[in-house]
Amino acid sequence: NGFVYAVDTGVVVIYGSTPSPPVLYHINSTARRTSLELSWRPTSPMAATRSFSLLMDDGQGGSMQNVANTVDFKSNQTDLITGLQYAFQIFASNEFGTGPLSPPYVVNTLPPGPPANP
């Protein structure tokens, strides 16, 4: 995905495309019980990406809901339920539209019990 600039008789025409899906990864070494920090890296040049939208399911395989719209490369998710498996997906947007969703990234929160190691 990139930009091609064409100049024809003094008129500049800009051709472009939507960004590729970013790659999600988990910053923390282990998922916490009720919160976690996700990060991502774009796969399109940053000039081609304007913002990111992070989607998350309900931890029980339900429909994905938008939980973050940002220009940053990370998001903290809180108020998660212990012992559940959460799926996340992300997409990037630019002036040409919205790119495709990333593959699902699945994180398990720790089960209930004694405090987790920091």
C-alpha atoms as a PDB file:
ATOM      1  CA  ASN A   1       0.000   0.000   0.000  1.00  0.00           C
ATOM      2  CA  GLY A   2       1.481   3.269  -0.991  1.00  0.00           C
ATOM      3  CA  PHE A   3       1.003   6.526  -2.755  1.00  0.00           C
ATOM      4  CA  VAL A   4       1.736   7.232  -6.383  1.00  0.00           C
ATOM      5  CA  TYR A   5       1.894  10.807  -7.564  1.00  0.00           C
ATOM      6  CA  ALA A   6       1.073  11.550 -11.180  1.00  0.00           C
ATOM      7  CA  VAL A   7       1.558  14.969 -12.721  1.00  0.00           C
ATOM      8  CA  ASP A   8      -0.275  15.702 -15.944  1.00  0.00           C
ATOM      9  CA  THR A   9      -0.254  19.213 -17.400  1.00  0.00           C
ATOM     10  CA  GLY A  10       0.177  20.919 -14.038  1.00  0.00           C
ATOM     11  CA  VAL A  11      -2.558  18.944 -12.250  1.00  0.00           C
ATOM     12  CA  VAL A  12      -1.419  16.641  -9.453  1.00  0.00           C
ATOM     13  CA  VAL A  13      -3.480  13.496  -9.011  1.00  0.00           C
ATOM     14  CA  ILE A  14      -2.841  11.452  -5.880  1.00  0.00           C
ATOM     15  CA  TYR A  15      -3.587   7.746  -5.955  1.00  0.00           C
ATOM     16  CA  GLY A  16      -3.517   5.779  -2.724  1.00  0.00           C
ATOM     17  CA  SER A  17      -5.069   2.974  -0.827  1.00  0.00           C
ATOM     18  CA  THR A  18      -6.354   2.103   2.592  1.00  0.00           C
ATOM     19  CA  PRO A  19      -3.780   0.915   5.143  1.00  0.00           C
ATOM     20  CA  SER A  20      -2.966  -2.739   5.755  1.00  0.00           C
ATOM     21  CA  PRO A  21      -4.066  -4.240   9.083  1.00  0.00           C
ATOM     22  CA  PRO A  22      -1.717  -3.501  11.993  1.00  0.00           C
ATOM     23  CA  VAL A  23      -0.100  -6.348  13.944  1.00  0.00           C
ATOM     24  CA  LEU A  24      -1.377  -6.712  17.530  1.00  0.00           C
ATOM     25  CA  TYR A  25       0.761  -7.933  20.396  1.00  0.00           C
ATOM     26  CA  HIS A  26       0.563  -8.001  24.167  1.00  0.00           C
ATOM     27  CA  ILE A  27       3.014  -5.745  26.016  1.00  0.00           C
ATOM     28  CA  ASN A  28       2.712  -7.344  29.455  1.00  0.00           C
ATOM     29  CA  SER A  29       4.593 -10.587  30.036  1.00  0.00           C
ATOM     30  CA  THR A  30       1.375 -12.130  31.386  1.00  0.00           C
ATOM     31  CA  ALA A  31      -2.217 -11.021  31.255  1.00  0.00           C
ATOM     32  CA  ARG A  32      -3.519  -9.589  34.500  1.00  0.00           C
ATOM     33  CA  ARG A  33      -6.767 -10.614  36.093  1.00  0.00           C
ATOM     34  CA  THR A  34      -8.852  -7.557  35.206  1.00  0.00           C
ATOM     35  CA  SER A  35      -6.699  -5.403  32.899  1.00  0.00           C
ATOM     36  CA  LEU A  36      -4.051  -5.652  30.207  1.00  0.00           C
ATOM     37  CA  GLU A  37      -2.078  -3.467  27.851  1.00  0.00           C
ATOM     38  CA  LEU A  38      -2.109  -4.158  24.124  1.00  0.00           C
ATOM     39  CA  SER A  39       0.186  -2.624  21.565  1.00  0.00           C
ATOM     40  CA  TRP A  40       0.433  -2.772  17.788  1.00  0.00           C
ATOM     41  CA  ARG A  41       2.649  -1.819  14.942  1.00  0.00           C
ATOM     42  CA  PRO A  42       1.431  -0.598  11.587  1.00  0.00           C
ATOM     43  CA  THR A  43       2.271  -2.576   8.481  1.00  0.00           C
ATOM     44  CA  SER A  44       1.642   0.376   6.160  1.00  0.00           C
ATOM     45  CA  PRO A  45       3.886   3.441   6.143  1.00  0.00           C
ATOM     46  CA  MET A  46       2.810   5.855   8.881  1.00  0.00           C
ATOM     47  CA  ALA A  47       2.191   8.527   6.257  1.00  0.00           C
ATOM     48  CA  ALA A  48      -0.553   6.226   4.965  1.00  0.00           C
ATOM     49  CA  THR A  49      -2.148   5.734   8.423  1.00  0.00           C
ATOM     50  CA  ARG A  50      -4.150   8.372  10.290  1.00  0.00           C
ATOM     51  CA  SER A  51      -5.795   6.456  13.155  1.00  0.00           C
ATOM     52  CA  PHE A  52      -6.426   3.036  14.670  1.00  0.00           C
ATOM     53  CA  SER A  53      -9.597   1.412  16.002  1.00  0.00           C
ATOM     54  CA  LEU A  54      -9.392  -1.480  18.463  1.00  0.00           C
ATOM     55  CA  LEU A  55     -12.230  -3.984  18.776  1.00  0.00           C
ATOM     56  CA  MET A  56     -12.782  -6.442  21.656  1.00  0.00           C
ATOM     57  CA  ASP A  57     -15.303  -9.202  22.285  1.00  0.00           C
ATOM     58  CA  ASP A  58     -17.040  -9.731  25.629  1.00  0.00           C
ATOM     59  CA  GLY A  59     -14.716 -12.533  26.759  1.00  0.00           C
ATOM     60  CA  GLN A  60     -17.318 -15.145  25.928  1.00  0.00           C
ATOM     61  CA  GLY A  61     -17.119 -15.168  22.150  1.00  0.00           C
ATOM     62  CA  GLY A  62     -19.721 -12.443  21.659  1.00  0.00           C
ATOM     63  CA  SER A  63     -19.720  -9.766  18.991  1.00  0.00           C
ATOM     64  CA  MET A  64     -16.788  -7.369  18.695  1.00  0.00           C
ATOM     65  CA  GLN A  65     -17.244  -3.844  20.076  1.00  0.00           C
ATOM     66  CA  ASN A  66     -15.102  -0.775  19.422  1.00  0.00           C
ATOM     67  CA  VAL A  67     -13.127  -0.034  22.617  1.00  0.00           C
ATOM     68  CA  ALA A  68     -10.524   2.491  21.386  1.00  0.00           C
ATOM     69  CA  ASN A  69     -10.071   5.039  18.602  1.00  0.00           C
ATOM     70  CA  THR A  70      -6.591   6.488  18.775  1.00  0.00           C
ATOM     71  CA  VAL A  71      -3.483   7.688  16.977  1.00  0.00           C
ATOM     72  CA  ASP A  72      -1.346   5.933  19.628  1.00  0.00           C
ATOM     73  CA  PHE A  73       0.220   2.471  19.348  1.00  0.00           C
ATOM     74  CA  LYS A  74      -1.193   1.026  22.569  1.00  0.00           C
ATOM     75  CA  SER A  75      -4.355   0.761  24.606  1.00  0.00           C
ATOM     76  CA  ASN A  76      -5.068  -0.231  28.202  1.00  0.00           C
ATOM     77  CA  GLN A  77      -8.128  -2.404  28.665  1.00  0.00           C
ATOM     78  CA  THR A  78      -9.612  -2.470  32.140  1.00  0.00           C
ATOM     79  CA  ASP A  79     -12.678  -3.957  33.851  1.00  0.00           C
ATOM     80  CA  LEU A  80     -12.018  -7.372  32.327  1.00  0.00           C
ATOM     81  CA  ILE A  81     -13.407 -10.467  34.047  1.00  0.00           C
ATOM     82  CA  THR A  82     -11.011 -13.020  35.537  1.00  0.00           C
ATOM     83  CA  GLY A  83     -10.619 -16.380  33.815  1.00  0.00           C
ATOM     84  CA  LEU A  84     -12.054 -15.343  30.436  1.00  0.00           C
ATOM     85  CA  GLN A  85     -10.578 -15.412  26.946  1.00  0.00           C
ATOM     86  CA  TYR A  86     -10.796 -12.069  25.134  1.00  0.00           C
ATOM     87  CA  ALA A  87     -10.350 -11.612  21.387  1.00  0.00           C
ATOM     88  CA  PHE A  88      -9.085  -8.343  19.919  1.00  0.00           C
ATOM     89  CA  GLN A  89      -8.878  -7.038  16.354  1.00  0.00           C
ATOM     90  CA  ILE A  90      -7.642  -3.727  15.001  1.00  0.00           C
ATOM     91  CA  PHE A  91      -7.862  -1.722  11.802  1.00  0.00           C
ATOM     92  CA  ALA A  92      -6.227   1.448  10.532  1.00  0.00           C
ATOM     93  CA  SER A  93      -7.808   4.334   8.650  1.00  0.00           C
ATOM     94  CA  ASN A  94      -6.542   7.107   6.421  1.00  0.00           C
ATOM     95  CA  GLU A  95      -7.929   9.633   3.956  1.00  0.00           C
ATOM     96  CA  PHE A  96      -8.714   6.797   1.509  1.00  0.00           C
ATOM     97  CA  GLY A  97     -10.874   4.860   3.960  1.00  0.00           C
ATOM     98  CA  THR A  98     -10.748   2.034   6.439  1.00  0.00           C
ATOM     99  CA  GLY A  99      -8.343  -0.867   6.036  1.00  0.00           C
ATOM    100  CA  PRO A 100      -9.166  -4.517   6.728  1.00  0.00           C
ATOM    101  CA  LEU A 101      -9.336  -6.018  10.218  1.00  0.00           C
ATOM    102  CA  SER A 102      -6.307  -7.766  11.654  1.00  0.00           C
ATOM    103  CA  PRO A 103      -6.555 -11.456  12.488  1.00  0.00           C
ATOM    104  CA  PRO A 104      -7.974 -12.016  15.996  1.00  0.00           C
ATOM    105  CA  TYR A 105      -5.473 -11.770  18.858  1.00  0.00           C
ATOM    106  CA  VAL A 106      -6.592 -13.825  21.860  1.00  0.00           C
ATOM    107  CA  VAL A 107      -5.580 -13.142  25.476  1.00  0.00           C
ATOM    108  CA  ASN A 108      -6.612 -15.137  28.565  1.00  0.00           C
ATOM    109  CA  THR A 109      -7.081 -13.254  31.804  1.00  0.00           C
ATOM    110  CA  LEU A 110      -5.761 -15.027  34.880  1.00  0.00           C
ATOM    111  CA  PRO A 111      -8.252 -17.086  36.889  1.00  0.00           C
ATOM    112  CA  PRO A 112      -9.486 -15.881  40.283  1.00  0.00           C
ATOM    113  CA  GLY A 113      -7.050 -16.533  43.093  1.00  0.00           C
ATOM    114  CA  PRO A 114      -4.199 -15.003  45.047  1.00  0.00           C
ATOM    115  CA  PRO A 115      -2.614 -11.811  43.699  1.00  0.00           C
ATOM    116  CA  ALA A 116      -0.780 -12.237  40.392  1.00  0.00           C
ATOM    117  CA  ASN A 117       2.952 -11.685  40.173  1.00  0.00           C
ATOM    118  CA  PRO A 118       3.679  -8.122  38.994  1.00  0.00           C
END
